[in-house]
N, C-alpha and C. Protein backbone atom coordinates (compact mmCIF):
# COMPACT_ATOMS: atom_id res chain seq x y z
N UNK A 1 0.84 -1.18 0.00
CA UNK A 1 0.00 0.00 0.00
C UNK A 1 0.89 1.24 0.00
N UNK A 2 0.59 2.15 -0.89
CA UNK A 2 1.40 3.36 -1.07
C UNK A 2 1.38 4.23 0.18
N UNK A 3 0.22 4.38 0.80
CA UNK A 3 0.11 5.25 1.98
C UNK A 3 0.99 4.75 3.11
N UNK A 4 1.07 3.45 3.29
CA UNK A 4 1.90 2.87 4.34
C UNK A 4 3.37 3.15 4.08
N UNK A 5 3.82 2.91 2.87
CA UNK A 5 5.24 3.15 2.54
C UNK A 5 5.60 4.63 2.65
N UNK A 6 4.71 5.49 2.21
CA UNK A 6 4.96 6.92 2.29
C UNK A 6 5.01 7.38 3.75
N UNK A 7 4.10 6.90 4.57
CA UNK A 7 4.09 7.27 5.99
C UNK A 7 5.34 6.78 6.70
N UNK A 8 5.78 5.57 6.38
CA UNK A 8 6.99 5.03 7.01
C UNK A 8 8.22 5.82 6.60
N UNK A 9 8.33 6.18 5.32
CA UNK A 9 9.51 6.93 4.88
C UNK A 9 9.50 8.35 5.45
N UNK A 10 8.32 8.94 5.57
CA UNK A 10 8.22 10.27 6.17
C UNK A 10 8.63 10.25 7.63
N UNK A 11 8.22 9.20 8.35
CA UNK A 11 8.61 9.06 9.75
C UNK A 11 10.12 8.96 9.89
N UNK A 12 10.75 8.17 9.06
CA UNK A 12 12.20 8.02 9.12
C UNK A 12 12.88 9.37 8.92
N UNK A 13 12.44 10.13 7.94
CA UNK A 13 13.05 11.44 7.68
C UNK A 13 12.80 12.41 8.84
N UNK A 14 11.59 12.37 9.40
CA UNK A 14 11.27 13.25 10.53
C UNK A 14 12.13 12.91 11.74
N UNK A 15 12.33 11.62 11.97
CA UNK A 15 13.18 11.19 13.10
C UNK A 15 14.64 11.63 12.88
N UNK A 16 15.10 11.57 11.64
CA UNK A 16 16.47 11.98 11.33
C UNK A 16 16.72 13.45 11.66
N UNK A 17 15.74 14.30 11.36
CA UNK A 17 15.93 15.73 11.61
C UNK A 17 15.40 16.16 12.98
N UNK A 18 14.67 15.26 13.64
CA UNK A 18 14.19 15.56 14.99
C UNK A 18 13.04 16.53 15.05
N UNK A 19 12.25 16.61 13.99
CA UNK A 19 11.13 17.54 13.93
C UNK A 19 9.91 16.91 14.61
N UNK A 20 9.59 17.39 15.81
CA UNK A 20 8.52 16.80 16.61
C UNK A 20 7.15 16.88 15.93
N UNK A 21 6.89 17.96 15.23
CA UNK A 21 5.60 18.10 14.54
C UNK A 21 5.44 16.99 13.50
N UNK A 22 6.45 16.79 12.67
CA UNK A 22 6.35 15.79 11.62
C UNK A 22 6.47 14.37 12.17
N UNK A 23 7.19 14.19 13.26
CA UNK A 23 7.25 12.87 13.90
C UNK A 23 5.85 12.49 14.38
N UNK A 24 5.21 13.39 15.10
CA UNK A 24 3.87 13.14 15.60
C UNK A 24 2.89 12.93 14.45
N UNK A 25 2.96 13.76 13.45
CA UNK A 25 2.07 13.65 12.29
C UNK A 25 2.28 12.32 11.57
N UNK A 26 3.52 11.88 11.46
CA UNK A 26 3.81 10.61 10.79
C UNK A 26 3.25 9.43 11.57
N UNK A 27 3.40 9.46 12.89
CA UNK A 27 2.83 8.39 13.70
C UNK A 27 1.31 8.39 13.60
N UNK A 28 0.71 9.57 13.55
CA UNK A 28 -0.74 9.66 13.41
C UNK A 28 -1.18 9.07 12.06
N UNK A 29 -0.46 9.41 11.00
CA UNK A 29 -0.79 8.86 9.69
C UNK A 29 -0.62 7.34 9.65
N UNK A 30 0.45 6.85 10.27
CA UNK A 30 0.64 5.40 10.34
C UNK A 30 -0.51 4.74 11.09
N UNK A 31 -0.95 5.38 12.16
CA UNK A 31 -2.07 4.84 12.92
C UNK A 31 -3.33 4.73 12.09
N UNK A 32 -3.61 5.77 11.30
CA UNK A 32 -4.81 5.73 10.47
C UNK A 32 -4.70 4.72 9.34
N UNK A 33 -3.51 4.58 8.78
CA UNK A 33 -3.31 3.56 7.74
C UNK A 33 -3.54 2.17 8.32
N UNK A 34 -2.96 1.92 9.49
CA UNK A 34 -3.13 0.61 10.13
C UNK A 34 -4.60 0.38 10.49
N UNK A 35 -5.30 1.43 10.91
CA UNK A 35 -6.73 1.33 11.22
C UNK A 35 -7.52 0.92 9.97
N UNK A 36 -7.22 1.58 8.86
CA UNK A 36 -7.91 1.27 7.61
C UNK A 36 -7.62 -0.16 7.14
N UNK A 37 -6.44 -0.68 7.49
CA UNK A 37 -6.08 -2.05 7.14
C UNK A 37 -6.62 -3.05 8.16
N UNK A 38 -7.34 -2.55 9.16
CA UNK A 38 -7.92 -3.35 10.24
C UNK A 38 -6.84 -3.99 11.13
N UNK A 39 -5.69 -3.35 11.22
CA UNK A 39 -4.63 -3.77 12.14
C UNK A 39 -4.77 -2.89 13.39
N UNK A 40 -5.79 -3.20 14.17
CA UNK A 40 -6.22 -2.30 15.22
C UNK A 40 -5.22 -2.16 16.36
N UNK A 41 -4.52 -3.23 16.72
CA UNK A 41 -3.53 -3.13 17.79
C UNK A 41 -2.40 -2.20 17.39
N UNK A 42 -1.91 -2.35 16.16
CA UNK A 42 -0.85 -1.47 15.66
C UNK A 42 -1.36 -0.05 15.51
N UNK A 43 -2.59 0.10 15.06
CA UNK A 43 -3.17 1.44 14.91
C UNK A 43 -3.21 2.15 16.25
N UNK A 44 -3.67 1.48 17.27
CA UNK A 44 -3.74 2.08 18.60
C UNK A 44 -2.34 2.46 19.10
N UNK A 45 -1.37 1.59 18.86
CA UNK A 45 0.01 1.87 19.28
C UNK A 45 0.53 3.16 18.64
N UNK A 46 0.39 3.28 17.33
CA UNK A 46 0.91 4.45 16.62
C UNK A 46 0.15 5.73 17.01
N UNK A 47 -1.15 5.62 17.14
CA UNK A 47 -1.93 6.80 17.52
C UNK A 47 -1.59 7.27 18.94
N UNK A 48 -1.34 6.34 19.84
CA UNK A 48 -0.94 6.71 21.20
C UNK A 48 0.44 7.36 21.22
N UNK A 49 1.34 6.87 20.40
CA UNK A 49 2.67 7.49 20.30
C UNK A 49 2.52 8.93 19.82
N UNK A 50 1.67 9.13 18.80
CA UNK A 50 1.45 10.49 18.28
C UNK A 50 0.91 11.41 19.35
N UNK A 51 0.00 10.91 20.16
CA UNK A 51 -0.59 11.73 21.21
C UNK A 51 0.42 12.08 22.31
N UNK A 52 1.37 11.18 22.54
CA UNK A 52 2.35 11.39 23.60
C UNK A 52 3.43 12.41 23.24
N UNK A 53 3.56 12.71 21.97
CA UNK A 53 4.61 13.64 21.53
C UNK A 53 4.18 15.07 21.73
């Protein structure tokens, strides 16, 4: 899925530069992608990480 690959690559770049806004946004996007794929445990994990940032 394109959205998953794009979200993962964006997260990697955000982590490299340490940009908290984009790190949080990337985790949120990953959470929604996982939710749409019905991977609910992973979705909850990523969304909670986004909220904690």
